[in-house]
Each structure stands twice: as C-alpha cells, then as structure tokens.
C-alpha cells in the first residue's frame, strides 16, 4: 500500500469516527442543536467519484466532542456562544486526531485565501474598472505593503479615462488579504449598497477594482478622482474562524497623506458576523452621514 493510500485510509477512519462521535454526543431534546449536529455523518461520506467531504465544513459550534459532560446544557450554550475552539476534548495530554486535522484544515483554508487571487473575470462581471497596484505578484504584495498603496502612471491613466471625477462617493474593491472575502460578500453587498445610496440621492462614481491593493490605495484614487468620500471594501486577514471576512474603510476628502484616524471602519462583514446584504444597507447610511457631516473617522460625531 502506498503512502497516499495509507493517508487516505487514516483520513477515512477519522471522518467515520467524527460521525460516530457526533451521534453519541447528541442531546435527546435540544432542538436545532441536535438537528444540526446530526448532519455531521452525512458530511463525511464520499461523493460518487470517491472524493471525501471537506472536513472544514463541519460546524464546530454544533460538533460536541466531550463525552458525557457534567453540565451538557452549559456545554451546548458555550459552544453556540463563540466560534472559538472550546470543548474539543483530548487524548491524554494531546488533542484528538479530529481536532488536530480540523485545525490544519482551517489553517489551509486561511492560507488559500491569502495566497489566492480574485478571478480575472470578477471585476468585469460587476462592471468595475480594473487597475493594479505597483505590486507585480502576490509574493511582492505580501512583502512590500508600500507598493500596494501606489498606482503607476499607466494605471492612473486608466482611472482618468474611465472614471468620472467629483462623485459624492467613490467605491473601491480589493482582495486585500482574503480573495475569498471578495468572492463571498460582494455579490450581495454591492447591490444593497448601490440601492441604498441611490434611494438617498447620492451620486456614485464608477466602481474600481484594485488588484493587490492596500487600504491607503483609496488616498491615491482620491487625489486623482476627487470624490467627496471614498470607500474601499477589502478582504481581511483570515483567521481559523473564517477566511471570508471583509472590512469597509471610509474617508471624507480622500488624499495622499490622510491619517488613519480620519477613516471610519466597519469590519467583520461575513456570514457569521455582519451579513453582506445587511452590511451594504448599513454602509449606505453611514456614507450619507459622512457626507452630511463632511467628516469621517474620529471627527465624525
């Protein structure tokens, strides 16, 4: 048997055990928690092509690993109150194999999100003007944050030719440190945001997508297009809880040299935080408040 076959056998055994543990720790009358936990075994089966299910998709908040807990109701309540890894049990002084594999799976998802790229067709699908920072690759983006805050003359010309100047709100999108955040949230967030701004009579410029952009790229764009307010939607650094979290940074009178305290920030936009559609509607309200107050960040009351 090859090394690959051995690894596959181990993973199959662990996933099978994961399903059995889920059933054995189900409370008899715990409503939605029991219903959700029962989904565990189904998620561990192979598909028609013999491919194992994604271990990272098992809901840890509903996966009960402690056998015969002293206070089961409190255990369930604690698990549902946080995405943190609590009550994962152990084998002597070591974590269970399932716990270790899940940790490595979530770490792999986070790495994929950081190192991945937003699909080339994504900006065109949402009618965005696409530019690239002075970072030529993802490796350079991760090691040279300063270049992620700048645009070269060629990309500045793209903005001048394709984006109107003087909009009330200039929207910018960038993958940042999580390409998955853009793909997961923009489809629902952007329509809700545009609809909210339109209903308030706010003039919005052409949405811009910046490949390998940092937050302060909004300052350079502000210098070129002179909007009243710039907003950048950017992928957050992923953690082991989620790799799809996005932040929104807003600044009145965006310009090169703008200090961080002048930015208004809303973070944790993802399925387990602020849902994308809800975030879009809320951002429209905040942007209108910034326009009316003519200030942002710590100066916004």
Protein backbone atom coordinates (compact mmCIF):
# COMPACT_ATOMS: atom_id res chain seq x y z
CA UNK A 1 0.00 0.00 0.00
CA UNK A 2 1.40 3.40 -1.00
CA UNK A 3 1.90 6.33 1.37
CA UNK A 4 -1.01 8.15 -0.32
CA UNK A 5 -3.29 5.13 0.24
CA UNK A 6 -2.25 4.99 3.90
CA UNK A 7 -3.05 8.67 4.40
CA UNK A 8 -6.39 8.27 2.68
CA UNK A 9 -7.28 5.31 4.91
CA UNK A 10 -6.39 7.26 8.05
CA UNK A 11 -8.50 10.24 6.99
CA UNK A 12 -11.45 7.98 6.16
CA UNK A 13 -11.23 6.34 9.58
CA UNK A 14 -11.03 9.71 11.33
CA UNK A 15 -14.00 11.10 9.44
CA UNK A 16 -16.00 7.98 10.17
CA UNK A 17 -15.15 8.35 13.87
CA UNK A 18 -16.15 12.02 13.65
CA UNK A 19 -19.62 10.97 12.54
CA UNK A 20 -19.99 8.35 15.27
CA UNK A 21 -18.85 10.82 17.95
CA UNK A 22 -21.37 13.38 16.72
CA UNK A 23 -24.23 10.88 17.13
CA UNK A 24 -23.04 9.65 20.51
CA UNK A 25 -22.93 13.17 21.96
CA UNK A 26 -26.33 14.31 20.66
CA UNK A 27 -28.68 15.59 23.37
CA UNK A 28 -32.08 13.94 23.23
CA UNK A 29 -34.15 17.14 23.33
CA UNK A 30 -32.05 20.07 22.25
CA UNK A 31 -33.96 21.39 19.24
CA UNK A 32 -31.90 22.94 16.48
CA UNK A 33 -28.58 21.92 18.03
CA UNK A 34 -29.42 18.24 17.76
CA UNK A 35 -30.77 18.68 14.24
CA UNK A 36 -27.63 20.50 13.10
CA UNK A 37 -25.23 18.07 14.76
CA UNK A 38 -26.89 15.10 13.06
CA UNK A 39 -25.67 16.49 9.75
CA UNK A 40 -22.09 15.58 10.67
CA UNK A 41 -22.11 11.94 9.47
CA UNK A 42 -23.64 12.88 6.11
CA UNK A 43 -20.89 15.41 5.54
CA UNK A 44 -18.21 12.74 5.99
CA UNK A 45 -19.39 10.47 3.16
CA UNK A 46 -17.67 10.21 -0.18
CA UNK A 47 -19.34 11.54 -3.30
CA UNK A 48 -19.95 9.49 -6.47
CA UNK A 49 -16.33 9.97 -7.54
CA UNK A 50 -14.92 8.77 -4.22
CA UNK A 51 -13.85 12.24 -3.05
CA UNK A 52 -14.04 12.83 0.70
CA UNK A 53 -16.15 15.68 2.03
CA UNK A 54 -14.43 18.87 3.19
CA UNK A 55 -13.54 18.48 6.86
CA UNK A 56 -13.53 22.29 7.28
CA UNK A 57 -17.26 22.44 6.57
CA UNK A 58 -18.26 20.65 9.78
CA UNK A 59 -19.80 23.25 12.11
CA UNK A 60 -17.59 23.25 15.20
CA UNK A 61 -20.18 25.11 17.25
CA UNK A 62 -22.56 22.18 16.80
CA UNK A 63 -20.00 19.39 16.98
CA UNK A 64 -19.97 18.03 20.55
CA UNK A 65 -16.78 16.13 21.35
CA UNK A 66 -16.74 15.91 25.16
CA UNK A 67 -18.18 12.51 26.18
CA UNK A 68 -20.74 12.67 28.98
CA UNK A 69 -20.19 16.30 30.01
CA UNK A 70 -21.04 17.14 33.62
CA UNK A 71 -23.32 20.00 32.53
CA UNK A 72 -24.44 19.28 28.98
CA UNK A 73 -26.75 22.30 28.75
CA UNK A 74 -23.93 24.68 29.72
CA UNK A 75 -21.57 22.92 27.29
CA UNK A 76 -24.01 23.40 24.41
CA UNK A 77 -24.62 27.02 25.37
CA UNK A 78 -20.90 27.77 25.48
CA UNK A 79 -20.28 26.11 22.11
CA UNK A 80 -23.03 28.15 20.46
CA UNK A 81 -21.88 31.42 22.03
CA UNK A 82 -18.48 31.57 20.29
CA UNK A 83 -16.69 30.27 17.21
CA UNK A 84 -13.60 29.68 19.40
CA UNK A 85 -12.32 26.11 19.77
CA UNK A 86 -13.69 25.14 23.16
CA UNK A 87 -14.73 21.74 24.45
CA UNK A 88 -12.67 19.84 21.86
CA UNK A 89 -11.62 17.08 24.28
CA UNK A 90 -8.29 15.29 24.34
CA UNK A 91 -6.41 12.01 24.29
CA UNK A 92 -4.23 12.17 27.38
CA UNK A 93 -2.29 15.44 27.17
CA UNK A 94 -2.75 15.64 23.39
CA UNK A 95 -5.64 16.86 21.22
CA UNK A 96 -7.83 14.34 19.43
CA UNK A 97 -6.83 13.47 15.87
CA UNK A 98 -10.06 15.04 14.61
CA UNK A 99 -9.24 18.26 16.45
CA UNK A 100 -5.74 18.40 15.00
CA UNK A 101 -6.93 17.63 11.47
CA UNK A 102 -9.61 20.30 11.69
CA UNK A 103 -7.03 22.85 12.87
CA UNK A 104 -4.82 22.01 9.90
CA UNK A 105 -7.79 22.13 7.52
CA UNK A 106 -8.82 25.60 8.71
CA UNK A 107 -5.21 26.77 8.51
CA UNK A 108 -5.07 25.52 4.92
CA UNK A 109 -8.25 27.42 4.06
CA UNK A 110 -6.74 30.61 5.52
CA UNK A 111 -3.55 30.11 3.50
CA UNK A 112 -5.52 29.52 0.31
CA UNK A 113 -7.42 32.74 0.88
CA UNK A 114 -4.28 34.81 1.46
CA UNK A 115 -2.37 33.34 -1.45
CA UNK A 116 -5.32 33.08 -3.84
CA UNK A 117 -6.38 35.65 -6.41
CA UNK A 118 -9.77 37.10 -7.23
CA UNK A 119 -10.79 35.62 -10.62
CA UNK A 120 -9.86 37.77 -13.61
CA UNK A 121 -13.48 37.85 -14.80
CA UNK A 122 -14.81 39.10 -11.45
CA UNK A 123 -14.38 42.89 -12.00
CA UNK A 124 -15.98 42.73 -15.45
CA UNK A 125 -18.94 40.77 -14.08
CA UNK A 126 -19.75 43.66 -11.74
CA UNK A 127 -18.84 46.37 -14.27
CA UNK A 128 -15.79 47.58 -12.36
CA UNK A 129 -12.84 49.48 -13.79
CA UNK A 130 -9.85 47.24 -13.12
CA UNK A 131 -6.38 48.52 -12.16
CA UNK A 132 -3.37 47.04 -10.39
CA UNK A 133 -1.15 48.47 -7.69
CA UNK A 134 2.60 48.62 -8.15
CA UNK A 135 2.86 45.05 -6.80
CA UNK A 136 3.61 42.71 -9.69
CA UNK A 137 2.76 39.49 -7.82
CA UNK A 138 1.10 38.17 -4.68
CA UNK A 139 4.51 37.49 -3.14
CA UNK A 140 5.51 41.11 -3.64
CA UNK A 141 2.16 42.24 -2.28
CA UNK A 142 2.75 40.32 0.95
CA UNK A 143 6.32 41.53 1.40
CA UNK A 144 6.01 45.12 0.15
CA UNK A 145 2.92 46.76 1.68
CA UNK A 146 4.16 50.16 0.48
CA UNK A 147 3.78 49.16 -3.18
CA UNK A 148 0.21 48.03 -2.53
CA UNK A 149 -0.64 51.65 -1.67
CA UNK A 150 0.53 53.08 -5.02
CA UNK A 151 -0.52 53.13 -8.68
CA UNK A 152 1.86 53.66 -11.59
CA UNK A 153 1.19 56.20 -14.33
CA UNK A 154 -0.35 53.63 -16.67
CA UNK A 155 -2.99 52.63 -14.12
CA UNK A 156 -3.63 56.25 -13.16
CA UNK A 157 -4.40 56.92 -16.84
CA UNK A 158 -6.93 54.09 -16.80
CA UNK A 159 -8.74 55.82 -13.96
CA UNK A 160 -8.65 59.23 -15.65
CA UNK A 161 -10.08 57.82 -18.89
CA UNK A 162 -12.77 55.56 -17.43
CA UNK A 163 -13.93 57.09 -14.15
CA UNK A 164 -15.80 60.38 -13.71
CA UNK A 165 -14.33 62.94 -11.33
CA UNK A 166 -16.11 64.62 -8.46
CA UNK A 167 -18.57 61.88 -7.44
CA UNK A 168 -20.05 62.11 -3.97
CA UNK A 169 -19.00 58.53 -3.24
CA UNK A 170 -16.24 56.55 -4.93
CA UNK A 171 -16.45 52.79 -4.38
CA UNK A 172 -13.29 50.66 -4.48
CA UNK A 173 -12.92 46.89 -4.11
CA UNK A 174 -9.73 44.94 -3.42
CA UNK A 175 -8.97 41.36 -2.46
CA UNK A 176 -6.54 42.52 0.21
CA UNK A 177 -5.51 39.58 2.36
CA UNK A 178 -8.55 37.46 1.53
CA UNK A 179 -9.63 36.81 -2.03
CA UNK A 180 -12.41 34.58 -0.67
CA UNK A 181 -13.92 37.57 1.17
CA UNK A 182 -14.47 39.45 -2.08
CA UNK A 183 -15.99 36.46 -3.86
CA UNK A 184 -18.26 35.61 -0.90
CA UNK A 185 -19.53 39.10 0.03
CA UNK A 186 -19.54 41.42 -2.98
CA UNK A 187 -22.40 39.65 -4.84
CA UNK A 188 -24.85 40.55 -2.06
CA UNK A 189 -23.17 43.60 -0.54
CA UNK A 190 -22.62 45.72 -3.65
CA UNK A 191 -26.24 45.71 -4.94
CA UNK A 192 -27.57 46.54 -1.46
CA UNK A 193 -25.04 49.37 -1.09
CA UNK A 194 -25.77 50.88 -4.51
CA UNK A 195 -29.52 50.63 -3.96
CA UNK A 196 -29.20 52.30 -0.57
CA UNK A 197 -27.14 55.19 -1.95
CA UNK A 198 -29.48 55.64 -4.91
CA UNK A 199 -32.51 55.84 -2.61
CA UNK A 200 -30.79 58.69 -0.75
CA UNK A 201 -29.96 60.57 -3.94
CA UNK A 202 -26.18 60.09 -3.59
CA UNK A 203 -24.10 60.34 -6.76
CA UNK A 204 -21.80 57.31 -7.07
CA UNK A 205 -18.76 57.06 -9.32
CA UNK A 206 -17.69 54.07 -11.40
CA UNK A 207 -16.72 51.21 -9.07
CA UNK A 208 -13.00 50.42 -9.18
CA UNK A 209 -11.32 47.07 -8.59
CA UNK A 210 -7.69 47.21 -7.45
CA UNK A 211 -5.63 44.06 -7.76
CA UNK A 212 -3.09 43.73 -4.93
CA UNK A 213 -4.39 46.87 -3.22
CA UNK A 214 -3.92 48.06 0.36
CA UNK A 215 -6.31 50.31 2.28
CA UNK A 216 -4.38 53.50 1.53
CA UNK A 217 -4.80 53.00 -2.22
CA UNK A 218 -8.04 54.92 -1.65
CA UNK A 219 -5.94 58.01 -0.94
CA UNK A 220 -4.21 57.87 -4.34
CA UNK A 221 -7.53 57.33 -6.08
CA UNK A 222 -8.96 60.24 -4.12
CA UNK A 223 -6.19 62.51 -5.36
CA UNK A 224 -6.97 61.57 -8.98
CA UNK A 225 -10.79 61.50 -8.99
CA UNK A 226 -11.55 64.00 -6.20
CA UNK A 227 -14.67 62.36 -4.73
CA UNK A 228 -16.19 63.73 -1.54
CA UNK A 229 -15.93 60.31 0.11
CA UNK A 230 -14.06 57.14 -0.83
CA UNK A 231 -14.96 53.68 0.42
CA UNK A 232 -12.77 50.62 -0.03
CA UNK A 233 -14.14 47.12 0.54
CA UNK A 234 -11.17 44.89 1.24
CA UNK A 235 -10.55 41.32 2.39
CA UNK A 236 -9.39 41.00 5.99
CA UNK A 237 -6.52 38.82 7.14
CA UNK A 238 -8.17 35.40 7.60
CA UNK A 239 -8.13 33.51 10.85
CA UNK A 240 -9.07 29.97 11.86
CA UNK A 241 -12.69 31.03 12.43
CA UNK A 242 -13.37 32.36 8.93
CA UNK A 243 -11.46 33.17 5.77
CA UNK A 244 -14.27 35.26 4.24
CA UNK A 245 -14.29 38.37 6.41
CA UNK A 246 -14.29 41.81 4.77
CA UNK A 247 -13.78 45.34 6.07
CA UNK A 248 -15.07 48.68 4.78
CA UNK A 249 -12.88 51.78 5.19
CA UNK A 250 -14.46 55.18 4.50
CA UNK A 251 -12.76 58.55 4.33
CA UNK A 252 -14.01 62.09 3.71
CA UNK A 253 -11.85 64.12 1.31
CA UNK A 254 -9.52 61.18 0.50
CA UNK A 255 -6.00 62.28 -0.40
CA UNK A 256 -2.39 61.21 -0.14
CA UNK A 257 -1.19 61.89 3.40
CA UNK A 258 -4.53 61.11 5.01
CA UNK A 259 -4.02 59.75 8.54
CA UNK A 260 -5.62 56.55 9.79
CA UNK A 261 -7.72 58.31 12.41
CA UNK A 262 -9.62 60.02 9.59
CA UNK A 263 -11.04 56.71 8.37
CA UNK A 264 -14.33 55.21 9.55
CA UNK A 265 -14.18 51.41 9.63
CA UNK A 266 -16.76 48.64 9.70
CA UNK A 267 -15.26 45.16 9.96
CA UNK A 268 -16.30 41.52 10.27
CA UNK A 269 -18.53 41.51 7.21
CA UNK A 270 -19.19 37.81 6.63
CA UNK A 271 -21.83 35.15 7.12
CA UNK A 272 -21.01 34.68 10.81
CA UNK A 273 -20.63 38.41 11.52
CA UNK A 274 -22.47 41.20 9.68
CA UNK A 275 -24.22 39.54 6.70
CA UNK A 276 -23.23 41.05 3.36
CA UNK A 277 -26.64 42.44 2.36
CA UNK A 278 -27.18 43.96 5.81
CA UNK A 279 -23.69 45.48 5.68
CA UNK A 280 -24.41 47.05 2.29
CA UNK A 281 -27.56 48.77 3.58
CA UNK A 282 -25.77 49.94 6.74
CA UNK A 283 -22.80 51.31 4.78
CA UNK A 284 -25.17 53.41 2.67
CA UNK A 285 -26.49 55.01 5.87
CA UNK A 286 -23.00 55.64 7.23
CA UNK A 287 -21.82 57.19 3.95
CA UNK A 288 -24.79 59.57 3.93
CA UNK A 289 -23.93 60.56 7.50
CA UNK A 290 -20.32 61.26 6.46
CA UNK A 291 -21.46 63.37 3.53
CA UNK A 292 -23.80 65.40 5.71
CA UNK A 293 -21.20 65.90 8.45
CA UNK A 294 -18.33 66.49 5.96
CA UNK A 295 -16.03 64.47 8.18
CA UNK A 296 -15.10 60.87 8.99
CA UNK A 297 -13.10 58.85 11.48
CA UNK A 298 -12.65 60.34 14.94
CA UNK A 299 -14.12 63.64 13.73
CA UNK A 300 -17.46 62.03 12.88
CA UNK A 301 -19.94 62.52 15.70
